[in-house]
Amino acid sequence: MRILKKMVGTMADPLDLVHLRTLVAIAETGGFRRAADSLHLSQPTVSQHVRLLEKRLKQSLVVKDGRGSRFTAAGERLVLEAKRLLTAQDEVLQRFSVSTPEKITIGSTEHAADGLLPELLGALRSAYPDVWVQFRIDRSTSLAESVSKGALDLAVVLGGNAEPTGAEVGSLNLRWVAAADRDLSQVDSAMPLVAFEEPCGLRRRAIAKLDELGHGVTVSAESGNLDGVLAAARAGLGIALLPFSGPVPSGLREVTSLPSMGDIDVRLVSRRGLDTDVEQAAVDAVSAHFQHPRLVGVA
């Protein structure tokens, strides 16, 4: 960059990168006409770019040589410096340009794979046929943390937090369920609760509501996954508060003696910096799914 500093001195106005690129094109193609063709410019425009550089630097860069032209010593040095400057600019633009990802990693709460994920996979493959889509099934808290760390691009999680994150894409109905043959009228002590392991917003919500109703609560069984909670509830180990978008799973019944807990929102969380087109394609697919729910349950 020494030649640029020497030429520019203390002048405040920067050199025009477009003009420098024209100068480099003249050197690489061998003339003004060929440079104009390669840059899709008119030959007078190419000549003007050179004149503006010469005026800016107060030095001749290209002079006539018979029927053609040649670079002066200053012009040759400037071409070398301009190539370095333009290469640096192109590298910066490449690093900050938004491009189609090679892989998209998506997380979802359990049981969504049976309904939501195939639709989401289809939507993303349709929009990005060359992208490899990878899925991870886990709990909402773990998925949201992975997105915040950049380990996942997208995650479908349950809301219910004090500070909701991501875009709301649907909702699920919360229901109290128990084994089909479980008689809760025979419970004469603390209410047995089957729940997810902590941290779990549904667990805390269930305990708070039962406490509010005057029931003592004992967590009789806990599991880190939905299948474990369902199995414990079917075995008659206690009641569970779970979200559903369809009928209650077989082997369970809805406990209508307890008050309704309303709905819980489903949200799509995206990592910072994700291509907005990818994010919007996922939001559209998930939102469309919840407008026509077919899930058995999500946790």
C-alpha atoms as a PDB file:
ATOM      1  CA  MET A   1       0.000   0.000   0.000  1.00  0.00           C
ATOM      2  CA  ARG A   2       3.067   2.314   0.072  1.00  0.00           C
ATOM      3  CA  ILE A   3       2.488   3.623  -3.444  1.00  0.00           C
ATOM      4  CA  LEU A   4      -1.073   4.593  -2.578  1.00  0.00           C
ATOM      5  CA  LYS A   5       0.078   6.462   0.508  1.00  0.00           C
ATOM      6  CA  LYS A   6       2.763   8.234  -1.481  1.00  0.00           C
ATOM      7  CA  MET A   7       0.365   9.184  -4.251  1.00  0.00           C
ATOM      8  CA  VAL A   8      -2.480  10.256  -2.017  1.00  0.00           C
ATOM      9  CA  GLY A   9      -0.443  11.942   0.665  1.00  0.00           C
ATOM     10  CA  THR A  10      -2.639  13.829   3.056  1.00  0.00           C
ATOM     11  CA  MET A  11      -5.592  14.126   0.656  1.00  0.00           C
ATOM     12  CA  ALA A  12      -8.821  13.176   2.387  1.00  0.00           C
ATOM     13  CA  ASP A  13     -10.891  11.881  -0.548  1.00  0.00           C
ATOM     14  CA  PRO A  14     -10.533   8.099  -0.976  1.00  0.00           C
ATOM     15  CA  LEU A  15      -9.782   6.402  -4.265  1.00  0.00           C
ATOM     16  CA  ASP A  16     -12.771   5.013  -6.120  1.00  0.00           C
ATOM     17  CA  LEU A  17     -12.621   1.210  -6.103  1.00  0.00           C
ATOM     18  CA  VAL A  18     -14.631   1.058  -9.336  1.00  0.00           C
ATOM     19  CA  HIS A  19     -11.986   3.166 -11.056  1.00  0.00           C
ATOM     20  CA  LEU A  20      -9.214   0.962  -9.668  1.00  0.00           C
ATOM     21  CA  ARG A  21     -10.983  -2.148 -10.918  1.00  0.00           C
ATOM     22  CA  THR A  22     -11.171  -0.575 -14.385  1.00  0.00           C
ATOM     23  CA  LEU A  23      -7.435   0.131 -14.295  1.00  0.00           C
ATOM     24  CA  VAL A  24      -6.698  -3.483 -13.351  1.00  0.00           C
ATOM     25  CA  ALA A  25      -8.971  -4.707 -16.148  1.00  0.00           C
ATOM     26  CA  ILE A  26      -7.005  -2.650 -18.682  1.00  0.00           C
ATOM     27  CA  ALA A  27      -3.777  -4.270 -17.496  1.00  0.00           C
ATOM     28  CA  GLU A  28      -5.240  -7.787 -17.480  1.00  0.00           C
ATOM     29  CA  THR A  29      -7.040  -7.626 -20.835  1.00  0.00           C
ATOM     30  CA  GLY A  30      -4.430  -5.590 -22.717  1.00  0.00           C
ATOM     31  CA  GLY A  31      -6.330  -2.460 -23.656  1.00  0.00           C
ATOM     32  CA  PHE A  32      -9.197  -0.067 -23.162  1.00  0.00           C
ATOM     33  CA  ARG A  33     -11.582  -1.736 -25.618  1.00  0.00           C
ATOM     34  CA  ARG A  34     -11.093  -5.215 -24.175  1.00  0.00           C
ATOM     35  CA  ALA A  35     -11.427  -3.847 -20.646  1.00  0.00           C
ATOM     36  CA  ALA A  36     -14.693  -2.194 -21.620  1.00  0.00           C
ATOM     37  CA  ASP A  37     -15.997  -5.487 -23.017  1.00  0.00           C
ATOM     38  CA  SER A  38     -15.006  -7.458 -19.907  1.00  0.00           C
ATOM     39  CA  LEU A  39     -16.586  -4.917 -17.569  1.00  0.00           C
ATOM     40  CA  HIS A  40     -19.671  -4.404 -19.759  1.00  0.00           C
ATOM     41  CA  LEU A  41     -18.904  -0.692 -19.991  1.00  0.00           C
ATOM     42  CA  SER A  42     -18.478   1.672 -22.914  1.00  0.00           C
ATOM     43  CA  GLN A  43     -14.921   2.539 -23.982  1.00  0.00           C
ATOM     44  CA  PRO A  44     -15.465   6.257 -23.180  1.00  0.00           C
ATOM     45  CA  THR A  45     -16.467   5.263 -19.643  1.00  0.00           C
ATOM     46  CA  VAL A  46     -13.262   3.244 -19.228  1.00  0.00           C
ATOM     47  CA  SER A  47     -11.232   6.210 -20.450  1.00  0.00           C
ATOM     48  CA  GLN A  48     -13.064   8.496 -18.047  1.00  0.00           C
ATOM     49  CA  HIS A  49     -12.228   6.221 -15.091  1.00  0.00           C
ATOM     50  CA  VAL A  50      -8.536   6.468 -15.946  1.00  0.00           C
ATOM     51  CA  ARG A  51      -8.692  10.244 -16.353  1.00  0.00           C
ATOM     52  CA  LEU A  52     -10.419  10.597 -12.963  1.00  0.00           C
ATOM     53  CA  LEU A  53      -7.705   8.505 -11.294  1.00  0.00           C
ATOM     54  CA  GLU A  54      -4.993  10.597 -12.910  1.00  0.00           C
ATOM     55  CA  LYS A  55      -6.728  13.777 -11.831  1.00  0.00           C
ATOM     56  CA  ARG A  56      -7.138  12.446  -8.340  1.00  0.00           C
ATOM     57  CA  LEU A  57      -3.484  11.384  -8.026  1.00  0.00           C
ATOM     58  CA  LYS A  58      -2.043  14.223 -10.162  1.00  0.00           C
ATOM     59  CA  GLN A  59       0.043  11.720 -12.123  1.00  0.00           C
ATOM     60  CA  SER A  60      -0.096  10.119 -15.544  1.00  0.00           C
ATOM     61  CA  LEU A  61      -0.976   6.445 -15.381  1.00  0.00           C
ATOM     62  CA  VAL A  62      -1.538   5.459 -19.020  1.00  0.00           C
ATOM     63  CA  VAL A  63      -0.013   7.206 -22.062  1.00  0.00           C
ATOM     64  CA  LYS A  64      -0.338   6.712 -25.810  1.00  0.00           C
ATOM     65  CA  ASP A  65       2.219   4.494 -27.464  1.00  0.00           C
ATOM     66  CA  GLY A  66       1.822   4.508 -31.255  1.00  0.00           C
ATOM     67  CA  ARG A  67      -1.635   3.200 -32.037  1.00  0.00           C
ATOM     68  CA  GLY A  68      -1.962   1.690 -28.572  1.00  0.00           C
ATOM     69  CA  SER A  69      -1.174   2.756 -25.025  1.00  0.00           C
ATOM     70  CA  ARG A  70       1.102   1.751 -22.185  1.00  0.00           C
ATOM     71  CA  PHE A  71       1.284   2.159 -18.431  1.00  0.00           C
ATOM     72  CA  THR A  72       3.693   4.614 -16.914  1.00  0.00           C
ATOM     73  CA  ALA A  73       5.903   3.469 -14.042  1.00  0.00           C
ATOM     74  CA  ALA A  74       3.418   5.004 -11.599  1.00  0.00           C
ATOM     75  CA  GLY A  75       0.572   3.277 -13.420  1.00  0.00           C
ATOM     76  CA  GLU A  76       2.267  -0.117 -13.151  1.00  0.00           C
ATOM     77  CA  ARG A  77       2.849   0.353  -9.446  1.00  0.00           C
ATOM     78  CA  LEU A  78      -0.729   1.458  -8.917  1.00  0.00           C
ATOM     79  CA  VAL A  79      -2.025  -1.647 -10.745  1.00  0.00           C
ATOM     80  CA  LEU A  80      -0.107  -3.873  -8.298  1.00  0.00           C
ATOM     81  CA  GLU A  81      -1.414  -1.978  -5.274  1.00  0.00           C
ATOM     82  CA  ALA A  82      -4.954  -1.898  -6.686  1.00  0.00           C
ATOM     83  CA  LYS A  83      -4.941  -5.688  -7.143  1.00  0.00           C
ATOM     84  CA  ARG A  84      -4.075  -6.142  -3.479  1.00  0.00           C
ATOM     85  CA  LEU A  85      -6.724  -3.664  -2.386  1.00  0.00           C
ATOM     86  CA  LEU A  86      -9.433  -5.228  -4.554  1.00  0.00           C
ATOM     87  CA  THR A  87      -8.507  -8.734  -3.407  1.00  0.00           C
ATOM     88  CA  ALA A  88      -8.811  -7.626   0.218  1.00  0.00           C
ATOM     89  CA  GLN A  89     -12.212  -6.077  -0.491  1.00  0.00           C
ATOM     90  CA  ASP A  90     -13.444  -9.226  -2.251  1.00  0.00           C
ATOM     91  CA  GLU A  91     -12.330 -11.372   0.691  1.00  0.00           C
ATOM     92  CA  VAL A  92     -14.219  -9.168   3.147  1.00  0.00           C
ATOM     93  CA  LEU A  93     -17.374  -9.313   1.036  1.00  0.00           C
ATOM     94  CA  GLN A  94     -17.067 -13.089   0.759  1.00  0.00           C
ATOM     95  CA  ARG A  95     -16.776 -13.500   4.526  1.00  0.00           C
ATOM     96  CA  PHE A  96     -19.829 -11.347   5.161  1.00  0.00           C
ATOM     97  CA  SER A  97     -21.974 -12.454   2.241  1.00  0.00           C
ATOM     98  CA  VAL A  98     -25.128 -14.503   2.957  1.00  0.00           C
ATOM     99  CA  SER A  99     -24.944 -17.801   1.126  1.00  0.00           C
ATOM    100  CA  THR A 100     -27.024 -20.940   1.071  1.00  0.00           C
ATOM    101  CA  PRO A 101     -25.869 -23.183   3.926  1.00  0.00           C
ATOM    102  CA  GLU A 102     -24.484 -26.659   3.217  1.00  0.00           C
ATOM    103  CA  LYS A 103     -26.246 -28.098   6.264  1.00  0.00           C
ATOM    104  CA  ILE A 104     -29.220 -27.048   8.394  1.00  0.00           C
ATOM    105  CA  THR A 105     -29.530 -28.537  11.875  1.00  0.00           C
ATOM    106  CA  ILE A 106     -33.035 -28.569  13.347  1.00  0.00           C
ATOM    107  CA  GLY A 107     -34.126 -29.520  16.839  1.00  0.00           C
ATOM    108  CA  SER A 108     -37.628 -30.401  17.934  1.00  0.00           C
ATOM    109  CA  THR A 109     -39.439 -31.550  21.003  1.00  0.00           C
ATOM    110  CA  GLU A 110     -40.374 -35.218  21.178  1.00  0.00           C
ATOM    111  CA  HIS A 111     -43.084 -36.850  19.067  1.00  0.00           C
ATOM    112  CA  ALA A 112     -42.999 -33.930  16.614  1.00  0.00           C
ATOM    113  CA  ALA A 113     -40.947 -36.161  14.313  1.00  0.00           C
ATOM    114  CA  ASP A 114     -44.125 -38.140  13.517  1.00  0.00           C
ATOM    115  CA  GLY A 115     -45.908 -35.135  12.052  1.00  0.00           C
ATOM    116  CA  LEU A 116     -44.113 -31.823  12.030  1.00  0.00           C
ATOM    117  CA  LEU A 117     -40.592 -32.812  11.017  1.00  0.00           C
ATOM    118  CA  PRO A 118     -41.520 -34.545   7.742  1.00  0.00           C
ATOM    119  CA  GLU A 119     -43.391 -31.404   6.668  1.00  0.00           C
ATOM    120  CA  LEU A 120     -40.513 -29.159   7.728  1.00  0.00           C
ATOM    121  CA  LEU A 121     -38.019 -31.415   5.959  1.00  0.00           C
ATOM    122  CA  GLY A 122     -40.109 -31.312   2.783  1.00  0.00           C
ATOM    123  CA  ALA A 123     -40.380 -27.520   2.846  1.00  0.00           C
ATOM    124  CA  LEU A 124     -36.635 -26.989   3.333  1.00  0.00           C
ATOM    125  CA  ARG A 125     -35.663 -29.583   0.735  1.00  0.00           C
ATOM    126  CA  SER A 126     -38.013 -27.952  -1.747  1.00  0.00           C
ATOM    127  CA  ALA A 127     -36.452 -24.529  -1.152  1.00  0.00           C
ATOM    128  CA  TYR A 128     -32.863 -25.792  -0.763  1.00  0.00           C
ATOM    129  CA  PRO A 129     -32.530 -29.115  -2.630  1.00  0.00           C
ATOM    130  CA  ASP A 130     -28.742 -29.306  -2.179  1.00  0.00           C
ATOM    131  CA  VAL A 131     -28.775 -28.741   1.583  1.00  0.00           C
ATOM    132  CA  TRP A 132     -28.315 -31.602   4.042  1.00  0.00           C
ATOM    133  CA  VAL A 133     -30.902 -31.349   6.838  1.00  0.00           C
ATOM    134  CA  GLN A 134     -30.015 -32.920  10.191  1.00  0.00           C
ATOM    135  CA  PHE A 135     -32.470 -33.359  13.084  1.00  0.00           C
ATOM    136  CA  ARG A 136     -32.106 -33.600  16.832  1.00  0.00           C
ATOM    137  CA  ILE A 137     -34.937 -34.647  19.150  1.00  0.00           C
ATOM    138  CA  ASP A 138     -34.660 -33.300  22.683  1.00  0.00           C
ATOM    139  CA  ARG A 139     -36.394 -31.280  25.374  1.00  0.00           C
ATOM    140  CA  SER A 140     -37.223 -27.604  24.950  1.00  0.00           C
ATOM    141  CA  THR A 141     -34.725 -26.304  27.507  1.00  0.00           C
ATOM    142  CA  SER A 142     -31.841 -28.210  25.961  1.00  0.00           C
ATOM    143  CA  LEU A 143     -32.807 -27.236  22.420  1.00  0.00           C
ATOM    144  CA  ALA A 144     -33.139 -23.533  23.209  1.00  0.00           C
ATOM    145  CA  GLU A 145     -29.717 -23.550  24.868  1.00  0.00           C
ATOM    146  CA  SER A 146     -28.174 -25.278  21.835  1.00  0.00           C
ATOM    147  CA  VAL A 147     -29.633 -22.636  19.512  1.00  0.00           C
ATOM    148  CA  SER A 148     -28.244 -19.812  21.663  1.00  0.00           C
ATOM    149  CA  LYS A 149     -24.791 -21.444  21.487  1.00  0.00           C
ATOM    150  CA  GLY A 150     -25.011 -21.856  17.723  1.00  0.00           C
ATOM    151  CA  ALA A 151     -25.048 -25.670  17.837  1.00  0.00           C
ATOM    152  CA  LEU A 152     -28.502 -25.739  16.200  1.00  0.00           C
ATOM    153  CA  ASP A 153     -29.847 -23.529  13.416  1.00  0.00           C
ATOM    154  CA  LEU A 154     -33.522 -23.901  14.330  1.00  0.00           C
ATOM    155  CA  ALA A 155     -35.565 -25.500  17.093  1.00  0.00           C
ATOM    156  CA  VAL A 156     -39.266 -26.053  17.700  1.00  0.00           C
ATOM    157  CA  VAL A 157     -39.791 -25.611  21.438  1.00  0.00           C
ATOM    158  CA  LEU A 158     -42.554 -25.074  23.955  1.00  0.00           C
ATOM    159  CA  GLY A 159     -43.105 -21.559  25.265  1.00  0.00           C
ATOM    160  CA  GLY A 160     -44.378 -20.711  28.684  1.00  0.00           C
ATOM    161  CA  ASN A 161     -41.225 -18.886  29.782  1.00  0.00           C
ATOM    162  CA  ALA A 162     -41.298 -15.485  31.425  1.00  0.00           C
ATOM    163  CA  GLU A 163     -39.371 -14.087  28.434  1.00  0.00           C
ATOM    164  CA  PRO A 164     -40.554 -15.863  25.263  1.00  0.00           C
ATOM    165  CA  THR A 165     -37.977 -16.350  22.545  1.00  0.00           C
ATOM    166  CA  GLY A 166     -38.373 -16.923  18.837  1.00  0.00           C
ATOM    167  CA  ALA A 167     -41.525 -16.722  16.759  1.00  0.00           C
ATOM    168  CA  GLU A 168     -44.843 -18.177  17.932  1.00  0.00           C
ATOM    169  CA  VAL A 169     -45.930 -20.722  15.333  1.00  0.00           C
ATOM    170  CA  GLY A 170     -48.795 -22.549  17.063  1.00  0.00           C
ATOM    171  CA  SER A 171     -50.195 -23.800  20.346  1.00  0.00           C
ATOM    172  CA  LEU A 172     -51.037 -27.066  22.093  1.00  0.00           C
ATOM    173  CA  ASN A 173     -53.756 -27.849  24.591  1.00  0.00           C
ATOM    174  CA  LEU A 174     -52.579 -28.753  28.100  1.00  0.00           C
ATOM    175  CA  ARG A 175     -54.413 -31.693  29.661  1.00  0.00           C
ATOM    176  CA  TRP A 176     -54.273 -33.572  32.910  1.00  0.00           C
ATOM    177  CA  VAL A 177     -54.003 -37.295  32.130  1.00  0.00           C
ATOM    178  CA  ALA A 178     -53.803 -40.504  34.123  1.00  0.00           C
ATOM    179  CA  ALA A 179     -54.010 -44.239  33.532  1.00  0.00           C
ATOM    180  CA  ALA A 180     -57.363 -45.297  32.146  1.00  0.00           C
ATOM    181  CA  ASP A 181     -58.078 -47.403  35.249  1.00  0.00           C
ATOM    182  CA  ARG A 182     -56.569 -44.972  37.810  1.00  0.00           C
ATOM    183  CA  ASP A 183     -59.150 -43.915  40.408  1.00  0.00           C
ATOM    184  CA  LEU A 184     -58.008 -40.560  41.783  1.00  0.00           C
ATOM    185  CA  SER A 185     -60.882 -40.471  44.282  1.00  0.00           C
ATOM    186  CA  GLN A 186     -58.961 -43.020  46.306  1.00  0.00           C
ATOM    187  CA  VAL A 187     -56.016 -40.623  46.781  1.00  0.00           C
ATOM    188  CA  ASP A 188     -56.192 -39.628  50.453  1.00  0.00           C
ATOM    189  CA  SER A 189     -52.732 -38.055  50.794  1.00  0.00           C
ATOM    190  CA  ALA A 190     -50.468 -36.073  48.485  1.00  0.00           C
ATOM    191  CA  MET A 191     -51.383 -36.106  44.801  1.00  0.00           C
ATOM    192  CA  PRO A 192     -48.884 -38.308  42.908  1.00  0.00           C
ATOM    193  CA  LEU A 193     -47.416 -36.470  39.930  1.00  0.00           C
ATOM    194  CA  VAL A 194     -45.538 -37.931  36.978  1.00  0.00           C
ATOM    195  CA  ALA A 195     -43.310 -35.263  35.449  1.00  0.00           C
ATOM    196  CA  PHE A 196     -40.232 -34.469  33.440  1.00  0.00           C
ATOM    197  CA  GLU A 197     -36.923 -34.058  35.219  1.00  0.00           C
ATOM    198  CA  GLU A 198     -35.949 -30.507  36.081  1.00  0.00           C
ATOM    199  CA  PRO A 199     -35.603 -28.017  34.556  1.00  0.00           C
ATOM    200  CA  CYS A 200     -39.169 -28.231  33.294  1.00  0.00           C
ATOM    201  CA  GLY A 201     -41.743 -25.469  33.026  1.00  0.00           C
ATOM    202  CA  LEU A 202     -44.652 -27.941  32.767  1.00  0.00           C
ATOM    203  CA  ARG A 203     -43.597 -29.631  36.008  1.00  0.00           C
ATOM    204  CA  ARG A 204     -43.455 -26.325  37.885  1.00  0.00           C
ATOM    205  CA  ARG A 205     -46.772 -25.254  36.370  1.00  0.00           C
ATOM    206  CA  ALA A 206     -48.473 -28.477  37.468  1.00  0.00           C
ATOM    207  CA  ILE A 207     -47.114 -28.304  41.020  1.00  0.00           C
ATOM    208  CA  ALA A 208     -48.112 -24.644  41.371  1.00  0.00           C
ATOM    209  CA  LYS A 209     -51.686 -25.356  40.228  1.00  0.00           C
ATOM    210  CA  LEU A 210     -52.082 -28.390  42.516  1.00  0.00           C
ATOM    211  CA  ASP A 211     -50.729 -26.384  45.454  1.00  0.00           C
ATOM    212  CA  GLU A 212     -53.174 -23.591  44.619  1.00  0.00           C
ATOM    213  CA  LEU A 213     -56.028 -26.138  44.717  1.00  0.00           C
ATOM    214  CA  GLY A 214     -54.943 -27.286  48.167  1.00  0.00           C
ATOM    215  CA  HIS A 215     -53.447 -30.602  47.105  1.00  0.00           C
ATOM    216  CA  GLY A 216     -50.174 -31.796  48.529  1.00  0.00           C
ATOM    217  CA  VAL A 217     -47.920 -32.989  45.727  1.00  0.00           C
ATOM    218  CA  THR A 218     -45.497 -35.893  45.543  1.00  0.00           C
ATOM    219  CA  VAL A 219     -43.457 -36.462  42.388  1.00  0.00           C
ATOM    220  CA  SER A 220     -43.975 -40.206  42.172  1.00  0.00           C
ATOM    221  CA  ALA A 221     -42.058 -40.695  38.925  1.00  0.00           C
ATOM    222  CA  GLU A 222     -39.904 -38.560  36.673  1.00  0.00           C
ATOM    223  CA  SER A 223     -38.218 -39.044  33.324  1.00  0.00           C
ATOM    224  CA  GLY A 224     -36.000 -37.127  30.967  1.00  0.00           C
ATOM    225  CA  ASN A 225     -38.156 -37.948  27.951  1.00  0.00           C
ATOM    226  CA  LEU A 226     -41.795 -38.048  26.924  1.00  0.00           C
ATOM    227  CA  ASP A 227     -41.957 -41.810  26.451  1.00  0.00           C
ATOM    228  CA  GLY A 228     -40.879 -42.305  30.063  1.00  0.00           C
ATOM    229  CA  VAL A 229     -43.520 -39.901  31.381  1.00  0.00           C
ATOM    230  CA  LEU A 230     -46.248 -41.570  29.314  1.00  0.00           C
ATOM    231  CA  ALA A 231     -45.158 -45.039  30.430  1.00  0.00           C
ATOM    232  CA  ALA A 232     -45.213 -44.024  34.106  1.00  0.00           C
ATOM    233  CA  ALA A 233     -48.648 -42.438  33.739  1.00  0.00           C
ATOM    234  CA  ARG A 234     -50.009 -45.535  31.957  1.00  0.00           C
ATOM    235  CA  ALA A 235     -48.626 -47.680  34.772  1.00  0.00           C
ATOM    236  CA  GLY A 236     -50.836 -45.759  37.211  1.00  0.00           C
ATOM    237  CA  LEU A 237     -47.972 -44.062  39.056  1.00  0.00           C
ATOM    238  CA  GLY A 238     -49.688 -40.676  39.036  1.00  0.00           C
ATOM    239  CA  ILE A 239     -51.226 -37.899  36.976  1.00  0.00           C
ATOM    240  CA  ALA A 240     -49.336 -35.880  34.388  1.00  0.00           C
ATOM    241  CA  LEU A 241     -49.803 -32.470  32.777  1.00  0.00           C
ATOM    242  CA  LEU A 242     -48.958 -32.754  29.084  1.00  0.00           C
ATOM    243  CA  PRO A 243     -49.618 -30.842  25.845  1.00  0.00           C
ATOM    244  CA  PHE A 244     -51.592 -32.508  23.064  1.00  0.00           C
ATOM    245  CA  SER A 245     -52.923 -31.466  19.694  1.00  0.00           C
ATOM    246  CA  GLY A 246     -55.002 -34.589  19.139  1.00  0.00           C
ATOM    247  CA  PRO A 247     -56.702 -37.334  21.171  1.00  0.00           C
ATOM    248  CA  VAL A 248     -55.209 -38.484  24.448  1.00  0.00           C
ATOM    249  CA  PRO A 249     -52.867 -41.455  23.751  1.00  0.00           C
ATOM    250  CA  SER A 250     -54.179 -44.963  24.308  1.00  0.00           C
ATOM    251  CA  GLY A 251     -53.955 -46.260  27.876  1.00  0.00           C
ATOM    252  CA  LEU A 252     -54.575 -42.792  29.282  1.00  0.00           C
ATOM    253  CA  ARG A 253     -57.674 -40.737  30.027  1.00  0.00           C
ATOM    254  CA  GLU A 254     -58.176 -37.046  30.580  1.00  0.00           C
ATOM    255  CA  VAL A 255     -58.698 -36.068  34.221  1.00  0.00           C
ATOM    256  CA  THR A 256     -61.662 -33.702  34.018  1.00  0.00           C
ATOM    257  CA  SER A 257     -61.992 -33.260  37.782  1.00  0.00           C
ATOM    258  CA  LEU A 258     -59.021 -30.877  37.689  1.00  0.00           C
ATOM    259  CA  PRO A 259     -59.377 -27.401  36.131  1.00  0.00           C
ATOM    260  CA  SER A 260     -58.343 -26.669  32.553  1.00  0.00           C
ATOM    261  CA  MET A 261     -54.779 -25.417  32.165  1.00  0.00           C
ATOM    262  CA  GLY A 262     -55.374 -23.739  28.810  1.00  0.00           C
ATOM    263  CA  ASP A 263     -52.843 -23.819  25.982  1.00  0.00           C
ATOM    264  CA  ILE A 264     -49.091 -23.553  25.720  1.00  0.00           C
ATOM    265  CA  ASP A 265     -47.499 -21.805  22.767  1.00  0.00           C
ATOM    266  CA  VAL A 266     -45.110 -23.525  20.387  1.00  0.00           C
ATOM    267  CA  ARG A 267     -42.230 -21.373  19.191  1.00  0.00           C
ATOM    268  CA  LEU A 268     -39.562 -21.558  16.511  1.00  0.00           C
ATOM    269  CA  VAL A 269     -36.183 -20.371  17.756  1.00  0.00           C
ATOM    270  CA  SER A 270     -33.437 -19.447  15.267  1.00  0.00           C
ATOM    271  CA  ARG A 271     -29.772 -18.933  15.876  1.00  0.00           C
ATOM    272  CA  ARG A 272     -28.387 -15.446  15.415  1.00  0.00           C
ATOM    273  CA  GLY A 273     -27.144 -14.841  11.889  1.00  0.00           C
ATOM    274  CA  LEU A 274     -29.227 -17.533  10.209  1.00  0.00           C
ATOM    275  CA  ASP A 275     -30.258 -16.729   6.635  1.00  0.00           C
ATOM    276  CA  THR A 276     -33.621 -14.989   6.913  1.00  0.00           C
ATOM    277  CA  ASP A 277     -34.961 -16.939   3.927  1.00  0.00           C
ATOM    278  CA  VAL A 278     -34.211 -20.242   5.672  1.00  0.00           C
ATOM    279  CA  GLU A 279     -35.857 -18.982   8.854  1.00  0.00           C
ATOM    280  CA  GLN A 280     -38.965 -17.787   7.004  1.00  0.00           C
ATOM    281  CA  ALA A 281     -39.308 -21.101   5.137  1.00  0.00           C
ATOM    282  CA  ALA A 282     -39.255 -22.924   8.481  1.00  0.00           C
ATOM    283  CA  VAL A 283     -41.736 -20.518  10.103  1.00  0.00           C
ATOM    284  CA  ASP A 284     -44.156 -20.949   7.195  1.00  0.00           C
ATOM    285  CA  ALA A 285     -43.910 -24.754   7.294  1.00  0.00           C
ATOM    286  CA  VAL A 286     -44.376 -25.041  11.070  1.00  0.00           C
ATOM    287  CA  SER A 287     -47.210 -22.507  11.145  1.00  0.00           C
ATOM    288  CA  ALA A 288     -49.024 -24.358   8.356  1.00  0.00           C
ATOM    289  CA  HIS A 289     -48.643 -27.610  10.280  1.00  0.00           C
ATOM    290  CA  PHE A 290     -50.268 -26.232  13.417  1.00  0.00           C
ATOM    291  CA  GLN A 291     -53.160 -24.854  11.404  1.00  0.00           C
ATOM    292  CA  HIS A 292     -53.919 -28.502  10.565  1.00  0.00           C
ATOM    293  CA  PRO A 293     -52.571 -30.372  13.620  1.00  0.00           C
ATOM    294  CA  ARG A 294     -51.850 -34.051  13.446  1.00  0.00           C
ATOM    295  CA  LEU A 295     -49.458 -34.462  16.347  1.00  0.00           C
ATOM    296  CA  VAL A 296     -50.046 -36.963  19.129  1.00  0.00           C
ATOM    297  CA  GLY A 297     -48.168 -34.925  21.657  1.00  0.00           C
ATOM    298  CA  VAL A 298     -45.186 -32.713  22.255  1.00  0.00           C
ATOM    299  CA  ALA A 299     -43.087 -32.221  25.373  1.00  0.00           C
END
